[in-house]
Structure formats: C-alpha cells, structure tokens
Amino acid sequence: MSAEKRFTPDMAVADAIKMHPRAGEVFAAFHLGGCAHCQINTIETIEQVCAAYGIEVNVLLKVLEGLFESEPAPNN
C-alpha cells in the first residue's frame, strides 16, 4: 500500500469518499449515509461520525484501508 493512501480519523468523510471510489460503499455497510435514515454530514470527520453512531473508528479505518489492499497491481 502506498504511503500517501491513508485514511485517518481526522479526515473529512467527503475526502475519504474522494480518495477511493468504493469508500462510500464501506460507509453504507456501516449504516453511515447509505439510506435516508442513516444520513451523515460529509464535512464531519471519520472520527466524529463514528462517535455519533457508536462505531469503533479503528474498525472502520481498517476496512477502508483494506480497499487499497484489494486493488489489483498496476500493469507495467
């Protein structure tokens, strides 16, 4: 995994979604912004959203980081 590709607790949700195209799916899997009843403010940080919804921030970050690990290697 590249050093510049890191999700952090103080990162805005909007920035996380911009960082990886499937990050929104991860938030939805944790019931964060995936439906009308689970709306989140994307200017809040990952840590703020996790605190508001009772989610362990380290668990969410680990799943988000896993998005990069599952990417295929670039063709050279």
PDB file of N, CA and C in Angstrom:
ATOM      1  N   MET A   1       0.857  -1.182   0.000  1.00  0.00           N
ATOM      2  CA  MET A   1       0.000   0.000   0.000  1.00  0.00           C
ATOM      3  C   MET A   1       0.892   1.230   0.000  1.00  0.00           C
ATOM      4  N   SER A   2       0.573   2.178  -0.800  1.00  0.00           N
ATOM      5  CA  SER A   2       1.317   3.416  -0.914  1.00  0.00           C
ATOM      6  C   SER A   2       1.154   4.267   0.331  1.00  0.00           C
ATOM      7  N   ALA A   3       2.234   4.971   0.717  1.00  0.00           N
ATOM      8  CA  ALA A   3       2.203   5.774   1.939  1.00  0.00           C
ATOM      9  C   ALA A   3       1.204   6.924   1.846  1.00  0.00           C
ATOM     10  N   GLU A   4       0.995   7.479   0.640  1.00  0.00           N
ATOM     11  CA  GLU A   4       0.078   8.617   0.546  1.00  0.00           C
ATOM     12  C   GLU A   4      -1.388   8.207   0.630  1.00  0.00           C
ATOM     13  N   LYS A   5      -1.677   6.948   0.444  1.00  0.00           N
ATOM     14  CA  LYS A   5      -3.061   6.478   0.515  1.00  0.00           C
ATOM     15  C   LYS A   5      -3.363   6.032   1.935  1.00  0.00           C
ATOM     16  N   ARG A   6      -3.806   6.955   2.767  1.00  0.00           N
ATOM     17  CA  ARG A   6      -4.108   6.639   4.153  1.00  0.00           C
ATOM     18  C   ARG A   6      -5.389   7.341   4.565  1.00  0.00           C
ATOM     19  N   PHE A   7      -6.280   6.570   5.141  1.00  0.00           N
ATOM     20  CA  PHE A   7      -7.466   7.143   5.760  1.00  0.00           C
ATOM     21  C   PHE A   7      -7.092   7.436   7.206  1.00  0.00           C
ATOM     22  N   THR A   8      -7.514   8.586   7.717  1.00  0.00           N
ATOM     23  CA  THR A   8      -7.188   8.965   9.091  1.00  0.00           C
ATOM     24  C   THR A   8      -8.454   9.392   9.821  1.00  0.00           C
ATOM     25  N   PRO A   9      -8.447   9.299  11.152  1.00  0.00           N
ATOM     26  CA  PRO A   9      -9.635   9.688  11.917  1.00  0.00           C
ATOM     27  C   PRO A   9     -10.045  11.142  11.691  1.00  0.00           C
ATOM     28  N   ASP A  10      -9.059  12.022  11.436  1.00  0.00           N
ATOM     29  CA  ASP A  10      -9.369  13.446  11.278  1.00  0.00           C
ATOM     30  C   ASP A  10      -9.705  13.841   9.841  1.00  0.00           C
ATOM     31  N   MET A  11      -9.788  12.865   8.952  1.00  0.00           N
ATOM     32  CA  MET A  11     -10.139  13.116   7.554  1.00  0.00           C
ATOM     33  C   MET A  11     -11.647  13.331   7.419  1.00  0.00           C
ATOM     34  N   ALA A  12     -12.038  14.321   6.637  1.00  0.00           N
ATOM     35  CA  ALA A  12     -13.460  14.534   6.365  1.00  0.00           C
ATOM     36  C   ALA A  12     -14.004  13.352   5.569  1.00  0.00           C
ATOM     37  N   VAL A  13     -15.234  12.993   5.841  1.00  0.00           N
ATOM     38  CA  VAL A  13     -15.875  11.886   5.127  1.00  0.00           C
ATOM     39  C   VAL A  13     -15.848  12.154   3.620  1.00  0.00           C
ATOM     40  N   ALA A  14     -16.101  13.388   3.221  1.00  0.00           N
ATOM     41  CA  ALA A  14     -16.081  13.737   1.790  1.00  0.00           C
ATOM     42  C   ALA A  14     -14.719  13.450   1.172  1.00  0.00           C
ATOM     43  N   ASP A  15     -13.647  13.745   1.903  1.00  0.00           N
ATOM     44  CA  ASP A  15     -12.301  13.481   1.394  1.00  0.00           C
ATOM     45  C   ASP A  15     -12.037  11.980   1.285  1.00  0.00           C
ATOM     46  N   ALA A  16     -12.560  11.222   2.235  1.00  0.00           N
ATOM     47  CA  ALA A  16     -12.402   9.763   2.192  1.00  0.00           C
ATOM     48  C   ALA A  16     -13.107   9.193   0.968  1.00  0.00           C
ATOM     49  N   ILE A  17     -14.283   9.711   0.679  1.00  0.00           N
ATOM     50  CA  ILE A  17     -15.046   9.238  -0.478  1.00  0.00           C
ATOM     51  C   ILE A  17     -14.325   9.601  -1.779  1.00  0.00           C
ATOM     52  N   LYS A  18     -13.673  10.762  -1.804  1.00  0.00           N
ATOM     53  CA  LYS A  18     -12.902  11.161  -2.985  1.00  0.00           C
ATOM     54  C   LYS A  18     -11.644  10.307  -3.137  1.00  0.00           C
ATOM     55  N   MET A  19     -11.098   9.844  -2.016  1.00  0.00           N
ATOM     56  CA  MET A  19      -9.844   9.097  -2.040  1.00  0.00           C
ATOM     57  C   MET A  19      -9.988   7.735  -2.717  1.00  0.00           C
ATOM     58  N   HIS A  20     -11.130   7.092  -2.520  1.00  0.00           N
ATOM     59  CA  HIS A  20     -11.330   5.770  -3.129  1.00  0.00           C
ATOM     60  C   HIS A  20     -12.777   5.652  -3.586  1.00  0.00           C
ATOM     61  N   PRO A  21     -13.007   5.195  -4.802  1.00  0.00           N
ATOM     62  CA  PRO A  21     -14.371   5.134  -5.332  1.00  0.00           C
ATOM     63  C   PRO A  21     -15.309   4.205  -4.562  1.00  0.00           C
ATOM     64  N   ARG A  22     -14.775   3.257  -3.799  1.00  0.00           N
ATOM     65  CA  ARG A  22     -15.633   2.334  -3.058  1.00  0.00           C
ATOM     66  C   ARG A  22     -15.766   2.704  -1.580  1.00  0.00           C
ATOM     67  N   ALA A  23     -15.185   3.816  -1.157  1.00  0.00           N
ATOM     68  CA  ALA A  23     -15.282   4.221   0.248  1.00  0.00           C
ATOM     69  C   ALA A  23     -16.735   4.456   0.654  1.00  0.00           C
ATOM     70  N   GLY A  24     -17.533   5.005  -0.232  1.00  0.00           N
ATOM     71  CA  GLY A  24     -18.952   5.218   0.064  1.00  0.00           C
ATOM     72  C   GLY A  24     -19.668   3.921   0.383  1.00  0.00           C
ATOM     73  N   GLU A  25     -19.274   2.838  -0.291  1.00  0.00           N
ATOM     74  CA  GLU A  25     -19.862   1.527  -0.016  1.00  0.00           C
ATOM     75  C   GLU A  25     -19.513   1.052   1.395  1.00  0.00           C
ATOM     76  N   VAL A  26     -18.297   1.354   1.831  1.00  0.00           N
ATOM     77  CA  VAL A  26     -17.883   0.974   3.187  1.00  0.00           C
ATOM     78  C   VAL A  26     -18.706   1.741   4.212  1.00  0.00           C
ATOM     79  N   PHE A  27     -18.860   3.046   4.018  1.00  0.00           N
ATOM     80  CA  PHE A  27     -19.682   3.827   4.945  1.00  0.00           C
ATOM     81  C   PHE A  27     -21.109   3.283   4.976  1.00  0.00           C
ATOM     82  N   ALA A  28     -21.645   2.954   3.817  1.00  0.00           N
ATOM     83  CA  ALA A  28     -23.008   2.415   3.755  1.00  0.00           C
ATOM     84  C   ALA A  28     -23.108   1.078   4.481  1.00  0.00           C
ATOM     85  N   ALA A  29     -22.076   0.249   4.387  1.00  0.00           N
ATOM     86  CA  ALA A  29     -22.082  -1.045   5.071  1.00  0.00           C
ATOM     87  C   ALA A  29     -22.132  -0.876   6.589  1.00  0.00           C
ATOM     88  N   PHE A  30     -21.612   0.247   7.073  1.00  0.00           N
ATOM     89  CA  PHE A  30     -21.654   0.565   8.496  1.00  0.00           C
ATOM     90  C   PHE A  30     -22.895   1.401   8.831  1.00  0.00           C
ATOM     91  N   HIS A  31     -23.822   1.489   7.889  1.00  0.00           N
ATOM     92  CA  HIS A  31     -25.054   2.278   8.025  1.00  0.00           C
ATOM     93  C   HIS A  31     -24.752   3.761   8.245  1.00  0.00           C
ATOM     94  N   LEU A  32     -23.783   4.244   7.502  1.00  0.00           N
ATOM     95  CA  LEU A  32     -23.407   5.654   7.537  1.00  0.00           C
ATOM     96  C   LEU A  32     -23.640   6.241   6.150  1.00  0.00           C
ATOM     97  N   GLY A  33     -24.737   6.938   5.997  1.00  0.00           N
ATOM     98  CA  GLY A  33     -25.024   7.595   4.733  1.00  0.00           C
ATOM     99  C   GLY A  33     -25.551   6.704   3.638  1.00  0.00           C
ATOM    100  N   GLY A  34     -25.871   5.476   3.959  1.00  0.00           N
ATOM    101  CA  GLY A  34     -26.330   4.548   2.935  1.00  0.00           C
ATOM    102  C   GLY A  34     -27.811   4.629   2.635  1.00  0.00           C
ATOM    103  N   CYS A  35     -28.581   5.261   3.506  1.00  0.00           N
ATOM    104  CA  CYS A  35     -30.025   5.368   3.284  1.00  0.00           C
ATOM    105  C   CYS A  35     -30.538   6.658   3.923  1.00  0.00           C
ATOM    106  N   ALA A  36     -31.784   6.958   3.712  1.00  0.00           N
ATOM    107  CA  ALA A  36     -32.365   8.201   4.228  1.00  0.00           C
ATOM    108  C   ALA A  36     -32.330   8.274   5.752  1.00  0.00           C
ATOM    109  N   HIS A  37     -32.371   7.127   6.412  1.00  0.00           N
ATOM    110  CA  HIS A  37     -32.366   7.103   7.875  1.00  0.00           C
ATOM    111  C   HIS A  37     -30.957   7.179   8.452  1.00  0.00           C
ATOM    112  N   CYS A  38     -29.956   7.038   7.615  1.00  0.00           N
ATOM    113  CA  CYS A  38     -28.569   6.947   8.084  1.00  0.00           C
ATOM    114  C   CYS A  38     -27.709   8.082   7.524  1.00  0.00           C
ATOM    115  N   GLN A  39     -28.289   9.220   7.271  1.00  0.00           N
ATOM    116  CA  GLN A  39     -27.558  10.321   6.660  1.00  0.00           C
ATOM    117  C   GLN A  39     -26.432  10.817   7.559  1.00  0.00           C
ATOM    118  N   ILE A  40     -25.318  11.167   6.933  1.00  0.00           N
ATOM    119  CA  ILE A  40     -24.189  11.742   7.648  1.00  0.00           C
ATOM    120  C   ILE A  40     -23.804  13.038   6.960  1.00  0.00           C
ATOM    121  N   ASN A  41     -23.156  13.905   7.718  1.00  0.00           N
ATOM    122  CA  ASN A  41     -22.661  15.156   7.180  1.00  0.00           C
ATOM    123  C   ASN A  41     -21.243  14.897   6.682  1.00  0.00           C
ATOM    124  N   THR A  42     -21.034  14.968   5.393  1.00  0.00           N
ATOM    125  CA  THR A  42     -19.743  14.594   4.826  1.00  0.00           C
ATOM    126  C   THR A  42     -18.624  15.575   5.150  1.00  0.00           C
ATOM    127  N   ILE A  43     -18.942  16.730   5.751  1.00  0.00           N
ATOM    128  CA  ILE A  43     -17.868  17.623   6.184  1.00  0.00           C
ATOM    129  C   ILE A  43     -17.349  17.232   7.563  1.00  0.00           C
ATOM    130  N   GLU A  44     -18.066  16.350   8.248  1.00  0.00           N
ATOM    131  CA  GLU A  44     -17.579  15.846   9.530  1.00  0.00           C
ATOM    132  C   GLU A  44     -16.432  14.877   9.281  1.00  0.00           C
ATOM    133  N   THR A  45     -15.615  14.698  10.310  1.00  0.00           N
ATOM    134  CA  THR A  45     -14.505  13.761  10.181  1.00  0.00           C
ATOM    135  C   THR A  45     -14.995  12.332  10.385  1.00  0.00           C
ATOM    136  N   ILE A  46     -14.175  11.402   9.968  1.00  0.00           N
ATOM    137  CA  ILE A  46     -14.488   9.990  10.181  1.00  0.00           C
ATOM    138  C   ILE A  46     -14.670   9.736  11.673  1.00  0.00           C
ATOM    139  N   GLU A  47     -13.812  10.314  12.478  1.00  0.00           N
ATOM    140  CA  GLU A  47     -13.895  10.132  13.932  1.00  0.00           C
ATOM    141  C   GLU A  47     -15.204  10.689  14.502  1.00  0.00           C
ATOM    142  N   GLN A  48     -15.622  11.857  14.049  1.00  0.00           N
ATOM    143  CA  GLN A  48     -16.871  12.455  14.527  1.00  0.00           C
ATOM    144  C   GLN A  48     -18.074  11.592  14.162  1.00  0.00           C
ATOM    145  N   VAL A  49     -18.101  11.096  12.949  1.00  0.00           N
ATOM    146  CA  VAL A  49     -19.216  10.260  12.501  1.00  0.00           C
ATOM    147  C   VAL A  49     -19.253   8.958  13.300  1.00  0.00           C
ATOM    148  N   CYS A  50     -18.091   8.364  13.509  1.00  0.00           N
ATOM    149  CA  CYS A  50     -18.032   7.123  14.291  1.00  0.00           C
ATOM    150  C   CYS A  50     -18.517   7.353  15.719  1.00  0.00           C
ATOM    151  N   ALA A  51     -18.098   8.453  16.326  1.00  0.00           N
ATOM    152  CA  ALA A  51     -18.524   8.760  17.693  1.00  0.00           C
ATOM    153  C   ALA A  51     -20.032   8.960  17.755  1.00  0.00           C
ATOM    154  N   ALA A  52     -20.587   9.635  16.769  1.00  0.00           N
ATOM    155  CA  ALA A  52     -22.026   9.914  16.759  1.00  0.00           C
ATOM    156  C   ALA A  52     -22.861   8.650  16.597  1.00  0.00           C
ATOM    157  N   TYR A  53     -22.315   7.651  15.902  1.00  0.00           N
ATOM    158  CA  TYR A  53     -23.077   6.434  15.619  1.00  0.00           C
ATOM    159  C   TYR A  53     -22.593   5.219  16.406  1.00  0.00           C
ATOM    160  N   GLY A  54     -21.652   5.427  17.336  1.00  0.00           N
ATOM    161  CA  GLY A  54     -21.184   4.336  18.179  1.00  0.00           C
ATOM    162  C   GLY A  54     -20.386   3.272  17.446  1.00  0.00           C
ATOM    163  N   ILE A  55     -19.606   3.693  16.472  1.00  0.00           N
ATOM    164  CA  ILE A  55     -18.789   2.768  15.691  1.00  0.00           C
ATOM    165  C   ILE A  55     -17.331   2.946  16.100  1.00  0.00           C
ATOM    166  N   GLU A  56     -16.625   1.834  16.264  1.00  0.00           N
ATOM    167  CA  GLU A  56     -15.200   1.887  16.582  1.00  0.00           C
ATOM    168  C   GLU A  56     -14.446   2.446  15.376  1.00  0.00           C
ATOM    169  N   VAL A  57     -13.807   3.584  15.553  1.00  0.00           N
ATOM    170  CA  VAL A  57     -13.131   4.246  14.443  1.00  0.00           C
ATOM    171  C   VAL A  57     -12.041   3.360  13.852  1.00  0.00           C
ATOM    172  N   ASN A  58     -11.314   2.624  14.685  1.00  0.00           N
ATOM    173  CA  ASN A  58     -10.234   1.778  14.170  1.00  0.00           C
ATOM    174  C   ASN A  58     -10.757   0.653  13.288  1.00  0.00           C
ATOM    175  N   VAL A  59     -11.940   0.151  13.595  1.00  0.00           N
ATOM    176  CA  VAL A  59     -12.543  -0.902  12.772  1.00  0.00           C
ATOM    177  C   VAL A  59     -12.897  -0.341  11.393  1.00  0.00           C
ATOM    178  N   LEU A  60     -13.538   0.814  11.376  1.00  0.00           N
ATOM    179  CA  LEU A  60     -13.905   1.433  10.099  1.00  0.00           C
ATOM    180  C   LEU A  60     -12.659   1.768   9.284  1.00  0.00           C
ATOM    181  N   LEU A  61     -11.637   2.315   9.933  1.00  0.00           N
ATOM    182  CA  LEU A  61     -10.407   2.659   9.222  1.00  0.00           C
ATOM    183  C   LEU A  61      -9.741   1.417   8.630  1.00  0.00           C
ATOM    184  N   LYS A  62      -9.754   0.322   9.361  1.00  0.00           N
ATOM    185  CA  LYS A  62      -9.148  -0.918   8.858  1.00  0.00           C
ATOM    186  C   LYS A  62      -9.866  -1.399   7.597  1.00  0.00           C
ATOM    187  N   VAL A  63     -11.187  -1.317   7.603  1.00  0.00           N
ATOM    188  CA  VAL A  63     -11.949  -1.727   6.421  1.00  0.00           C
ATOM    189  C   VAL A  63     -11.666  -0.783   5.253  1.00  0.00           C
ATOM    190  N   LEU A  64     -11.615   0.513   5.526  1.00  0.00           N
ATOM    191  CA  LEU A  64     -11.306   1.477   4.467  1.00  0.00           C
ATOM    192  C   LEU A  64      -9.918   1.222   3.886  1.00  0.00           C
ATOM    193  N   GLU A  65      -8.932   0.997   4.735  1.00  0.00           N
ATOM    194  CA  GLU A  65      -7.574   0.727   4.258  1.00  0.00           C
ATOM    195  C   GLU A  65      -7.532  -0.548   3.427  1.00  0.00           C
ATOM    196  N   GLY A  66      -8.386  -1.505   3.760  1.00  0.00           N
ATOM    197  CA  GLY A  66      -8.455  -2.748   3.005  1.00  0.00           C
ATOM    198  C   GLY A  66      -8.843  -2.533   1.551  1.00  0.00           C
ATOM    199  N   LEU A  67      -9.486  -1.419   1.256  1.00  0.00           N
ATOM    200  CA  LEU A  67      -9.831  -1.109  -0.133  1.00  0.00           C
ATOM    201  C   LEU A  67      -8.578  -1.018  -0.997  1.00  0.00           C
ATOM    202  N   PHE A  68      -7.514  -0.450  -0.456  1.00  0.00           N
ATOM    203  CA  PHE A  68      -6.273  -0.313  -1.215  1.00  0.00           C
ATOM    204  C   PHE A  68      -5.561  -1.649  -1.352  1.00  0.00           C
ATOM    205  N   GLU A  69      -5.660  -2.487  -0.333  1.00  0.00           N
ATOM    206  CA  GLU A  69      -5.003  -3.787  -0.372  1.00  0.00           C
ATOM    207  C   GLU A  69      -5.648  -4.704  -1.399  1.00  0.00           C
ATOM    208  N   SER A  70      -6.928  -4.493  -1.681  1.00  0.00           N
ATOM    209  CA  SER A  70      -7.628  -5.365  -2.624  1.00  0.00           C
ATOM    210  C   SER A  70      -7.532  -4.877  -4.067  1.00  0.00           C
ATOM    211  N   GLU A  71      -6.854  -3.752  -4.280  1.00  0.00           N
ATOM    212  CA  GLU A  71      -6.703  -3.239  -5.645  1.00  0.00           C
ATOM    213  C   GLU A  71      -5.710  -4.090  -6.418  1.00  0.00           C
ATOM    214  N   PRO A  72      -5.976  -4.336  -7.682  1.00  0.00           N
ATOM    215  CA  PRO A  72      -5.005  -5.083  -8.491  1.00  0.00           C
ATOM    216  C   PRO A  72      -3.738  -4.259  -8.707  1.00  0.00           C
ATOM    217  N   ALA A  73      -2.632  -4.939  -8.883  1.00  0.00           N
ATOM    218  CA  ALA A  73      -1.367  -4.250  -9.148  1.00  0.00           C
ATOM    219  C   ALA A  73      -1.447  -3.571 -10.507  1.00  0.00           C
ATOM    220  N   PRO A  74      -0.853  -2.374 -10.628  1.00  0.00           N
ATOM    221  CA  PRO A  74      -0.891  -1.679 -11.924  1.00  0.00           C
ATOM    222  C   PRO A  74      -0.090  -2.451 -12.971  1.00  0.00           C
ATOM    223  N   ASN A  75      -0.523  -2.356 -14.221  1.00  0.00           N
ATOM    224  CA  ASN A  75       0.196  -3.004 -15.327  1.00  0.00           C
ATOM    225  C   ASN A  75       1.404  -2.170 -15.692  1.00  0.00           C
ATOM    226  N   ASN A  76       2.527  -2.826 -15.864  1.00  0.00           N
ATOM    227  CA  ASN A  76       3.752  -2.096 -16.246  1.00  0.00           C
ATOM    228  C   ASN A  76       4.089  -2.353 -17.680  1.00  0.00           C
TER     229      ASN A  76
END
